[in-house]
Structures are given as C-alpha cells and as structure tokens.
PDB file of all heavy atoms in Angstrom:
ATOM      1  N   ARG A   1       1.355  14.807 -12.314  1.00  0.00           N
ATOM      2  CA  ARG A   1       0.853  15.626 -13.379  1.00  0.00           C
ATOM      3  C   ARG A   1       0.758  17.105 -13.068  1.00  0.00           C
ATOM      4  O   ARG A   1       0.962  17.930 -13.948  1.00  0.00           O
ATOM      5  CB  ARG A   1      -0.510  15.071 -13.791  1.00  0.00           C
ATOM      6  CG  ARG A   1      -1.074  15.689 -15.098  1.00  0.00           C
ATOM      7  CD  ARG A   1      -2.311  14.873 -15.582  1.00  0.00           C
ATOM      8  NE  ARG A   1      -3.423  14.955 -14.676  1.00  0.00           N
ATOM      9  CZ  ARG A   1      -3.867  13.961 -13.917  1.00  0.00           C
ATOM     10  NH1 ARG A   1      -3.215  12.808 -13.940  1.00  0.00           N
ATOM     11  NH2 ARG A   1      -4.868  14.128 -13.104  1.00  0.00           N
ATOM     12  N   VAL A   2       0.380  17.423 -11.794  1.00  0.00           N
ATOM     13  CA  VAL A   2       0.213  18.794 -11.424  1.00  0.00           C
ATOM     14  C   VAL A   2       1.439  19.472 -10.790  1.00  0.00           C
ATOM     15  O   VAL A   2       1.425  20.582 -10.385  1.00  0.00           O
ATOM     16  CB  VAL A   2      -0.990  18.992 -10.491  1.00  0.00           C
ATOM     17  CG1 VAL A   2      -2.295  18.482 -11.133  1.00  0.00           C
ATOM     18  CG2 VAL A   2      -0.839  18.224  -9.129  1.00  0.00           C
ATOM     19  N   GLY A   3       2.496  18.599 -10.638  1.00  0.00           N
ATOM     20  CA  GLY A   3       3.747  19.144 -10.113  1.00  0.00           C
ATOM     21  C   GLY A   3       3.875  19.158  -8.647  1.00  0.00           C
ATOM     22  O   GLY A   3       4.637  19.971  -8.061  1.00  0.00           O
ATOM     23  N   SER A   4       3.118  18.309  -7.939  1.00  0.00           N
ATOM     24  CA  SER A   4       3.199  18.219  -6.511  1.00  0.00           C
ATOM     25  C   SER A   4       4.179  17.161  -6.090  1.00  0.00           C
ATOM     26  O   SER A   4       4.234  16.109  -6.614  1.00  0.00           O
ATOM     27  CB  SER A   4       1.818  17.830  -5.914  1.00  0.00           C
ATOM     28  OG  SER A   4       1.872  17.682  -4.530  1.00  0.00           O
ATOM     29  N   ARG A   5       4.969  17.544  -5.078  1.00  0.00           N
ATOM     30  CA  ARG A   5       6.041  16.634  -4.655  1.00  0.00           C
ATOM     31  C   ARG A   5       5.551  15.747  -3.492  1.00  0.00           C
ATOM     32  O   ARG A   5       5.212  16.198  -2.369  1.00  0.00           O
ATOM     33  CB  ARG A   5       7.298  17.450  -4.142  1.00  0.00           C
ATOM     34  CG  ARG A   5       8.449  16.571  -3.728  1.00  0.00           C
ATOM     35  CD  ARG A   5       9.544  17.458  -3.194  1.00  0.00           C
ATOM     36  NE  ARG A   5      10.701  16.680  -2.725  1.00  0.00           N
ATOM     37  CZ  ARG A   5      11.644  17.113  -1.923  1.00  0.00           C
ATOM     38  NH1 ARG A   5      11.648  18.377  -1.564  1.00  0.00           N
ATOM     39  NH2 ARG A   5      12.648  16.352  -1.548  1.00  0.00           N
ATOM     40  N   ASN A   6       5.445  14.467  -3.726  1.00  0.00           N
ATOM     41  CA  ASN A   6       4.928  13.517  -2.702  1.00  0.00           C
ATOM     42  C   ASN A   6       6.110  12.691  -2.194  1.00  0.00           C
ATOM     43  O   ASN A   6       6.558  11.760  -2.847  1.00  0.00           O
ATOM     44  CB  ASN A   6       3.918  12.548  -3.362  1.00  0.00           C
ATOM     45  CG  ASN A   6       2.549  13.213  -3.606  1.00  0.00           C
ATOM     46  OD1 ASN A   6       1.835  12.732  -4.493  1.00  0.00           O
ATOM     47  ND2 ASN A   6       2.218  14.270  -2.945  1.00  0.00           N
ATOM     48  N   VAL A   7       6.569  12.965  -0.999  1.00  0.00           N
ATOM     49  CA  VAL A   7       7.775  12.174  -0.462  1.00  0.00           C
ATOM     50  C   VAL A   7       7.304  10.897   0.072  1.00  0.00           C
ATOM     51  O   VAL A   7       8.061   9.960   0.235  1.00  0.00           O
ATOM     52  CB  VAL A   7       8.480  13.007   0.615  1.00  0.00           C
ATOM     53  CG1 VAL A   7       9.061  14.275   0.015  1.00  0.00           C
ATOM     54  CG2 VAL A   7       7.576  13.384   1.752  1.00  0.00           C
ATOM     55  N   LEU A   8       6.052  10.727   0.429  1.00  0.00           N
ATOM     56  CA  LEU A   8       5.504   9.455   1.020  1.00  0.00           C
ATOM     57  C   LEU A   8       4.705   8.616  -0.024  1.00  0.00           C
ATOM     58  O   LEU A   8       4.436   7.482   0.229  1.00  0.00           O
ATOM     59  CB  LEU A   8       4.551   9.752   2.202  1.00  0.00           C
ATOM     60  CG  LEU A   8       5.137  10.513   3.343  1.00  0.00           C
ATOM     61  CD1 LEU A   8       4.084  10.776   4.417  1.00  0.00           C
ATOM     62  CD2 LEU A   8       6.293   9.682   3.970  1.00  0.00           C
ATOM     63  N   GLY A   9       4.483   9.191  -1.199  1.00  0.00           N
ATOM     64  CA  GLY A   9       3.649   8.560  -2.167  1.00  0.00           C
ATOM     65  C   GLY A   9       4.193   7.169  -2.657  1.00  0.00           C
ATOM     66  O   GLY A   9       3.492   6.141  -2.623  1.00  0.00           O
ATOM     67  N   ALA A  10       5.419   7.117  -3.061  1.00  0.00           N
ATOM     68  CA  ALA A  10       6.012   5.907  -3.575  1.00  0.00           C
ATOM     69  C   ALA A  10       6.106   4.847  -2.511  1.00  0.00           C
ATOM     70  O   ALA A  10       5.768   3.639  -2.765  1.00  0.00           O
ATOM     71  CB  ALA A  10       7.475   6.181  -4.187  1.00  0.00           C
ATOM     72  N   THR A  11       6.430   5.232  -1.264  1.00  0.00           N
ATOM     73  CA  THR A  11       6.508   4.237  -0.213  1.00  0.00           C
ATOM     74  C   THR A  11       5.111   3.719   0.135  1.00  0.00           C
ATOM     75  O   THR A  11       4.904   2.494   0.292  1.00  0.00           O
ATOM     76  CB  THR A  11       7.094   4.982   1.061  1.00  0.00           C
ATOM     77  OG1 THR A  11       8.349   5.371   0.761  1.00  0.00           O
ATOM     78  CG2 THR A  11       7.142   3.952   2.234  1.00  0.00           C
ATOM     79  N   GLY A  12       4.118   4.557   0.236  1.00  0.00           N
ATOM     80  CA  GLY A  12       2.812   4.142   0.494  1.00  0.00           C
ATOM     81  C   GLY A  12       2.196   3.190  -0.583  1.00  0.00           C
ATOM     82  O   GLY A  12       1.612   2.191  -0.286  1.00  0.00           O
ATOM     83  N   LEU A  13       2.458   3.559  -1.786  1.00  0.00           N
ATOM     84  CA  LEU A  13       2.027   2.810  -2.935  1.00  0.00           C
ATOM     85  C   LEU A  13       2.719   1.423  -2.912  1.00  0.00           C
ATOM     86  O   LEU A  13       2.067   0.357  -3.148  1.00  0.00           O
ATOM     87  CB  LEU A  13       2.343   3.482  -4.236  1.00  0.00           C
ATOM     88  CG  LEU A  13       1.905   2.754  -5.545  1.00  0.00           C
ATOM     89  CD1 LEU A  13       0.402   2.437  -5.501  1.00  0.00           C
ATOM     90  CD2 LEU A  13       2.281   3.562  -6.767  1.00  0.00           C
ATOM     91  N   GLY A  14       3.965   1.368  -2.511  1.00  0.00           N
ATOM     92  CA  GLY A  14       4.666   0.119  -2.448  1.00  0.00           C
ATOM     93  C   GLY A  14       4.101  -0.807  -1.370  1.00  0.00           C
ATOM     94  O   GLY A  14       3.980  -2.040  -1.566  1.00  0.00           O
ATOM     95  N   VAL A  15       3.729  -0.270  -0.244  1.00  0.00           N
ATOM     96  CA  VAL A  15       3.124  -1.037   0.874  1.00  0.00           C
ATOM     97  C   VAL A  15       1.810  -1.663   0.378  1.00  0.00           C
ATOM     98  O   VAL A  15       1.535  -2.850   0.594  1.00  0.00           O
ATOM     99  CB  VAL A  15       2.902  -0.147   2.113  1.00  0.00           C
ATOM    100  CG1 VAL A  15       2.084  -0.928   3.152  1.00  0.00           C
ATOM    101  CG2 VAL A  15       4.273   0.214   2.686  1.00  0.00           C
ATOM    102  N   TYR A  16       0.939  -0.859  -0.231  1.00  0.00           N
ATOM    103  CA  TYR A  16      -0.375  -1.406  -0.672  1.00  0.00           C
ATOM    104  C   TYR A  16      -0.228  -2.349  -1.845  1.00  0.00           C
ATOM    105  O   TYR A  16      -0.979  -3.315  -1.911  1.00  0.00           O
ATOM    106  CB  TYR A  16      -1.336  -0.222  -1.025  1.00  0.00           C
ATOM    107  CG  TYR A  16      -1.869   0.465   0.179  1.00  0.00           C
ATOM    108  CD1 TYR A  16      -1.439   1.814   0.535  1.00  0.00           C
ATOM    109  CD2 TYR A  16      -2.765  -0.160   1.035  1.00  0.00           C
ATOM    110  CE1 TYR A  16      -1.897   2.410   1.651  1.00  0.00           C
ATOM    111  CE2 TYR A  16      -3.201   0.438   2.209  1.00  0.00           C
ATOM    112  CZ  TYR A  16      -2.806   1.711   2.466  1.00  0.00           C
ATOM    113  OH  TYR A  16      -3.281   2.360   3.622  1.00  0.00           O
ATOM    114  N   ALA A  17       0.730  -2.126  -2.652  1.00  0.00           N
ATOM    115  CA  ALA A  17       0.958  -3.071  -3.804  1.00  0.00           C
ATOM    116  C   ALA A  17       1.408  -4.415  -3.239  1.00  0.00           C
ATOM    117  O   ALA A  17       0.911  -5.504  -3.686  1.00  0.00           O
ATOM    118  CB  ALA A  17       2.025  -2.498  -4.739  1.00  0.00           C
ATOM    119  N   ALA A  18       2.344  -4.391  -2.300  1.00  0.00           N
ATOM    120  CA  ALA A  18       2.778  -5.684  -1.729  1.00  0.00           C
ATOM    121  C   ALA A  18       1.661  -6.329  -0.910  1.00  0.00           C
ATOM    122  O   ALA A  18       1.504  -7.596  -1.012  1.00  0.00           O
ATOM    123  CB  ALA A  18       3.997  -5.403  -0.820  1.00  0.00           C
ATOM    124  N   ALA A  19       0.891  -5.610  -0.108  1.00  0.00           N
ATOM    125  CA  ALA A  19      -0.157  -6.198   0.673  1.00  0.00           C
ATOM    126  C   ALA A  19      -1.241  -6.780  -0.229  1.00  0.00           C
ATOM    127  O   ALA A  19      -1.869  -7.794   0.038  1.00  0.00           O
ATOM    128  CB  ALA A  19      -0.784  -5.178   1.569  1.00  0.00           C
ATOM    129  N   SER A  20      -1.454  -6.132  -1.442  1.00  0.00           N
ATOM    130  CA  SER A  20      -2.465  -6.606  -2.370  1.00  0.00           C
ATOM    131  C   SER A  20      -2.143  -7.949  -2.941  1.00  0.00           C
ATOM    132  O   SER A  20      -3.014  -8.736  -3.381  1.00  0.00           O
ATOM    133  CB  SER A  20      -2.610  -5.609  -3.541  1.00  0.00           C
ATOM    134  OG  SER A  20      -3.103  -4.356  -3.082  1.00  0.00           O
ATOM    135  N   GLU A  21      -0.831  -8.302  -2.916  1.00  0.00           N
ATOM    136  CA  GLU A  21      -0.398  -9.558  -3.489  1.00  0.00           C
ATOM    137  C   GLU A  21      -0.085 -10.618  -2.407  1.00  0.00           C
ATOM    138  O   GLU A  21       0.013 -11.761  -2.687  1.00  0.00           O
ATOM    139  CB  GLU A  21       0.878  -9.400  -4.288  1.00  0.00           C
ATOM    140  CG  GLU A  21       0.727  -8.480  -5.489  1.00  0.00           C
ATOM    141  CD  GLU A  21      -0.282  -9.027  -6.512  1.00  0.00           C
ATOM    142  OE1 GLU A  21      -0.349 -10.244  -6.633  1.00  0.00           O
ATOM    143  OE2 GLU A  21      -1.017  -8.208  -7.050  1.00  0.00           O
ATOM    144  N   ALA A  22      -0.084 -10.248  -1.169  1.00  0.00           N
ATOM    145  CA  ALA A  22       0.178 -11.132  -0.028  1.00  0.00           C
ATOM    146  C   ALA A  22      -1.002 -12.084   0.188  1.00  0.00           C
ATOM    147  O   ALA A  22      -2.168 -11.580   0.240  1.00  0.00           O
ATOM    148  CB  ALA A  22       0.494 -10.379   1.246  1.00  0.00           C
ATOM    149  N   SER A  23      -0.800 -13.364   0.263  1.00  0.00           N
ATOM    150  CA  SER A  23      -1.906 -14.305   0.363  1.00  0.00           C
ATOM    151  C   SER A  23      -2.841 -14.113   1.572  1.00  0.00           C
ATOM    152  O   SER A  23      -3.980 -14.471   1.524  1.00  0.00           O
ATOM    153  CB  SER A  23      -1.306 -15.753   0.364  1.00  0.00           C
ATOM    154  OG  SER A  23      -0.452 -15.931   1.466  1.00  0.00           O
ATOM    155  N   ASP A  24      -2.281 -13.572   2.665  1.00  0.00           N
ATOM    156  CA  ASP A  24      -3.069 -13.331   3.855  1.00  0.00           C
ATOM    157  C   ASP A  24      -3.660 -11.941   3.934  1.00  0.00           C
ATOM    158  O   ASP A  24      -4.311 -11.582   4.937  1.00  0.00           O
ATOM    159  CB  ASP A  24      -2.220 -13.642   5.099  1.00  0.00           C
ATOM    160  CG  ASP A  24      -1.008 -12.713   5.215  1.00  0.00           C
ATOM    161  OD1 ASP A  24      -0.611 -12.109   4.182  1.00  0.00           O
ATOM    162  OD2 ASP A  24      -0.438 -12.689   6.281  1.00  0.00           O
ATOM    163  N   CYS A  25      -3.489 -11.214   2.856  1.00  0.00           N
ATOM    164  CA  CYS A  25      -4.019  -9.842   2.849  1.00  0.00           C
ATOM    165  C   CYS A  25      -4.876  -9.557   1.653  1.00  0.00           C
ATOM    166  O   CYS A  25      -5.825  -8.687   1.700  1.00  0.00           O
ATOM    167  CB  CYS A  25      -2.880  -8.820   2.876  1.00  0.00           C
ATOM    168  SG  CYS A  25      -1.843  -8.926   4.331  1.00  0.00           S
ATOM    169  N   LYS A  26      -4.692 -10.204   0.505  1.00  0.00           N
ATOM    170  CA  LYS A  26      -5.349  -9.911  -0.733  1.00  0.00           C
ATOM    171  C   LYS A  26      -6.855 -10.085  -0.543  1.00  0.00           C
ATOM    172  O   LYS A  26      -7.368 -10.985   0.171  1.00  0.00           O
ATOM    173  CB  LYS A  26      -4.844 -10.921  -1.785  1.00  0.00           C
ATOM    174  CG  LYS A  26      -5.411 -10.595  -3.176  1.00  0.00           C
ATOM    175  CD  LYS A  26      -4.763 -11.495  -4.163  1.00  0.00           C
ATOM    176  CE  LYS A  26      -5.138 -11.193  -5.607  1.00  0.00           C
ATOM    177  NZ  LYS A  26      -4.492 -12.040  -6.615  1.00  0.00           N
ATOM    178  N   ASN A  27      -7.627  -9.208  -1.128  1.00  0.00           N
ATOM    179  CA  ASN A  27      -9.116  -9.119  -1.121  1.00  0.00           C
ATOM    180  C   ASN A  27      -9.685  -8.752   0.223  1.00  0.00           C
ATOM    181  O   ASN A  27     -10.906  -8.779   0.334  1.00  0.00           O
ATOM    182  CB  ASN A  27      -9.663 -10.451  -1.600  1.00  0.00           C
ATOM    183  CG  ASN A  27      -9.418 -10.788  -3.044  1.00  0.00           C
ATOM    184  OD1 ASN A  27      -9.349  -9.872  -3.914  1.00  0.00           O
ATOM    185  ND2 ASN A  27      -9.029 -12.013  -3.312  1.00  0.00           N
ATOM    186  N   LEU A  28      -8.872  -8.340   1.199  1.00  0.00           N
ATOM    187  CA  LEU A  28      -9.374  -7.924   2.459  1.00  0.00           C
ATOM    188  C   LEU A  28      -9.389  -6.412   2.585  1.00  0.00           C
ATOM    189  O   LEU A  28      -8.896  -5.728   1.701  1.00  0.00           O
ATOM    190  CB  LEU A  28      -8.489  -8.557   3.551  1.00  0.00           C
ATOM    191  CG  LEU A  28      -8.544 -10.115   3.653  1.00  0.00           C
ATOM    192  CD1 LEU A  28      -7.591 -10.571   4.693  1.00  0.00           C
ATOM    193  CD2 LEU A  28      -9.978 -10.616   3.880  1.00  0.00           C
ATOM    194  N   ASP A  29      -9.961  -5.916   3.647  1.00  0.00           N
ATOM    195  CA  ASP A  29     -10.037  -4.439   3.871  1.00  0.00           C
ATOM    196  C   ASP A  29      -8.670  -3.852   3.906  1.00  0.00           C
ATOM    197  O   ASP A  29      -7.707  -4.457   4.367  1.00  0.00           O
ATOM    198  CB  ASP A  29     -10.783  -4.226   5.169  1.00  0.00           C
ATOM    199  CG  ASP A  29     -10.815  -2.759   5.541  1.00  0.00           C
ATOM    200  OD1 ASP A  29     -11.534  -1.987   4.890  1.00  0.00           O
ATOM    201  OD2 ASP A  29     -10.092  -2.337   6.516  1.00  0.00           O
ATOM    202  N   SER A  30      -8.545  -2.608   3.415  1.00  0.00           N
ATOM    203  CA  SER A  30      -7.182  -2.059   3.304  1.00  0.00           C
ATOM    204  C   SER A  30      -6.509  -1.802   4.639  1.00  0.00           C
ATOM    205  O   SER A  30      -5.239  -1.716   4.667  1.00  0.00           O
ATOM    206  CB  SER A  30      -7.361  -0.648   2.605  1.00  0.00           C
ATOM    207  OG  SER A  30      -8.230   0.206   3.318  1.00  0.00           O
ATOM    208  N   ARG A  31      -7.202  -1.806   5.731  1.00  0.00           N
ATOM    209  CA  ARG A  31      -6.541  -1.716   7.051  1.00  0.00           C
ATOM    210  C   ARG A  31      -5.737  -2.961   7.348  1.00  0.00           C
ATOM    211  O   ARG A  31      -5.029  -3.012   8.397  1.00  0.00           O
ATOM    212  CB  ARG A  31      -7.556  -1.438   8.116  1.00  0.00           C
ATOM    213  CG  ARG A  31      -7.796   0.054   8.430  1.00  0.00           C
ATOM    214  CD  ARG A  31      -8.389   0.871   7.273  1.00  0.00           C
ATOM    215  NE  ARG A  31      -9.675   0.436   6.906  1.00  0.00           N
ATOM    216  CZ  ARG A  31     -10.612   1.218   6.251  1.00  0.00           C
ATOM    217  NH1 ARG A  31     -10.237   2.434   5.894  1.00  0.00           N
ATOM    218  NH2 ARG A  31     -11.812   0.743   5.938  1.00  0.00           N
ATOM    219  N   VAL A  32      -5.839  -3.978   6.520  1.00  0.00           N
ATOM    220  CA  VAL A  32      -5.057  -5.180   6.683  1.00  0.00           C
ATOM    221  C   VAL A  32      -3.544  -4.937   6.570  1.00  0.00           C
ATOM    222  O   VAL A  32      -2.750  -5.853   6.832  1.00  0.00           O
ATOM    223  CB  VAL A  32      -5.482  -6.321   5.664  1.00  0.00           C
ATOM    224  CG1 VAL A  32      -4.903  -6.015   4.308  1.00  0.00           C
ATOM    225  CG2 VAL A  32      -5.149  -7.682   6.185  1.00  0.00           C
ATOM    226  N   VAL A  33      -3.154  -3.727   6.212  1.00  0.00           N
ATOM    227  CA  VAL A  33      -1.737  -3.393   6.227  1.00  0.00           C
ATOM    228  C   VAL A  33      -1.133  -3.592   7.627  1.00  0.00           C
ATOM    229  O   VAL A  33       0.077  -3.833   7.770  1.00  0.00           O
ATOM    230  CB  VAL A  33      -1.427  -1.998   5.717  1.00  0.00           C
ATOM    231  CG1 VAL A  33      -1.786  -1.856   4.220  1.00  0.00           C
ATOM    232  CG2 VAL A  33      -2.137  -0.957   6.513  1.00  0.00           C
ATOM    233  N   TYR A  34      -1.984  -3.499   8.637  1.00  0.00           N
ATOM    234  CA  TYR A  34      -1.507  -3.768  10.041  1.00  0.00           C
ATOM    235  C   TYR A  34      -0.964  -5.237  10.079  1.00  0.00           C
ATOM    236  O   TYR A  34       0.068  -5.556  10.691  1.00  0.00           O
ATOM    237  CB  TYR A  34      -2.592  -3.569  11.061  1.00  0.00           C
ATOM    238  CG  TYR A  34      -2.271  -3.949  12.488  1.00  0.00           C
ATOM    239  CD1 TYR A  34      -1.425  -3.101  13.218  1.00  0.00           C
ATOM    240  CD2 TYR A  34      -2.721  -5.131  13.033  1.00  0.00           C
ATOM    241  CE1 TYR A  34      -1.107  -3.460  14.567  1.00  0.00           C
ATOM    242  CE2 TYR A  34      -2.385  -5.461  14.338  1.00  0.00           C
ATOM    243  CZ  TYR A  34      -1.585  -4.613  15.097  1.00  0.00           C
ATOM    244  OH  TYR A  34      -1.263  -4.931  16.371  1.00  0.00           O
ATOM    245  N   ARG A  35      -1.713  -6.168   9.493  1.00  0.00           N
ATOM    246  CA  ARG A  35      -1.266  -7.541   9.449  1.00  0.00           C
ATOM    247  C   ARG A  35      -0.015  -7.682   8.591  1.00  0.00           C
ATOM    248  O   ARG A  35       0.960  -8.356   8.945  1.00  0.00           O
ATOM    249  CB  ARG A  35      -2.349  -8.405   8.880  1.00  0.00           C
ATOM    250  CG  ARG A  35      -1.950  -9.871   8.598  1.00  0.00           C
ATOM    251  CD  ARG A  35      -3.093 -10.691   7.948  1.00  0.00           C
ATOM    252  NE  ARG A  35      -4.154 -10.877   8.880  1.00  0.00           N
ATOM    253  CZ  ARG A  35      -5.370 -11.471   8.538  1.00  0.00           C
ATOM    254  NH1 ARG A  35      -5.558 -11.790   7.278  1.00  0.00           N
ATOM    255  NH2 ARG A  35      -6.281 -11.622   9.486  1.00  0.00           N
ATOM    256  N   TYR A  36      -0.016  -7.009   7.462  1.00  0.00           N
ATOM    257  CA  TYR A  36       1.152  -7.070   6.515  1.00  0.00           C
ATOM    258  C   TYR A  36       2.384  -6.612   7.281  1.00  0.00           C
ATOM    259  O   TYR A  36       3.490  -7.063   6.998  1.00  0.00           O
ATOM    260  CB  TYR A  36       0.851  -6.240   5.335  1.00  0.00           C
ATOM    261  CG  TYR A  36       2.086  -6.080   4.361  1.00  0.00           C
ATOM    262  CD1 TYR A  36       2.481  -7.166   3.569  1.00  0.00           C
ATOM    263  CD2 TYR A  36       2.833  -4.915   4.346  1.00  0.00           C
ATOM    264  CE1 TYR A  36       3.554  -7.024   2.774  1.00  0.00           C
ATOM    265  CE2 TYR A  36       3.896  -4.737   3.610  1.00  0.00           C
ATOM    266  CZ  TYR A  36       4.318  -5.872   2.829  1.00  0.00           C
ATOM    267  OH  TYR A  36       5.468  -5.724   1.951  1.00  0.00           O
ATOM    268  N   LEU A  37       2.306  -5.617   8.114  1.00  0.00           N
ATOM    269  CA  LEU A  37       3.433  -5.050   8.801  1.00  0.00           C
ATOM    270  C   LEU A  37       3.788  -5.830  10.034  1.00  0.00           C
ATOM    271  O   LEU A  37       4.765  -5.523  10.731  1.00  0.00           O
ATOM    272  CB  LEU A  37       3.139  -3.582   9.255  1.00  0.00           C
ATOM    273  CG  LEU A  37       2.974  -2.574   8.062  1.00  0.00           C
ATOM    274  CD1 LEU A  37       2.430  -1.233   8.597  1.00  0.00           C
ATOM    275  CD2 LEU A  37       4.276  -2.406   7.331  1.00  0.00           C
TER     276      LEU A  37
END
C-alpha cells in the first residue's frame, strides 16, 4: 500500500502459511518454523 519493495515478504509469508497448516506445527509457537524446516 505504501510502495515499499519487500523481496523477502512473499517467501516469509509462504513459510508461515505452510507451517500454520502442518499437523506438527499448527497452533504452536511461531519459532516452530525450525521444525518445519
């Protein structure tokens, strides 16, 4: 909206979106991306 270029935004959002749906990560602390990876 403000015209800022985020080169990591889409990738980061994709990681959290996938981890949010993973059965061993969902509803856990966000640092669970270590497990997801």
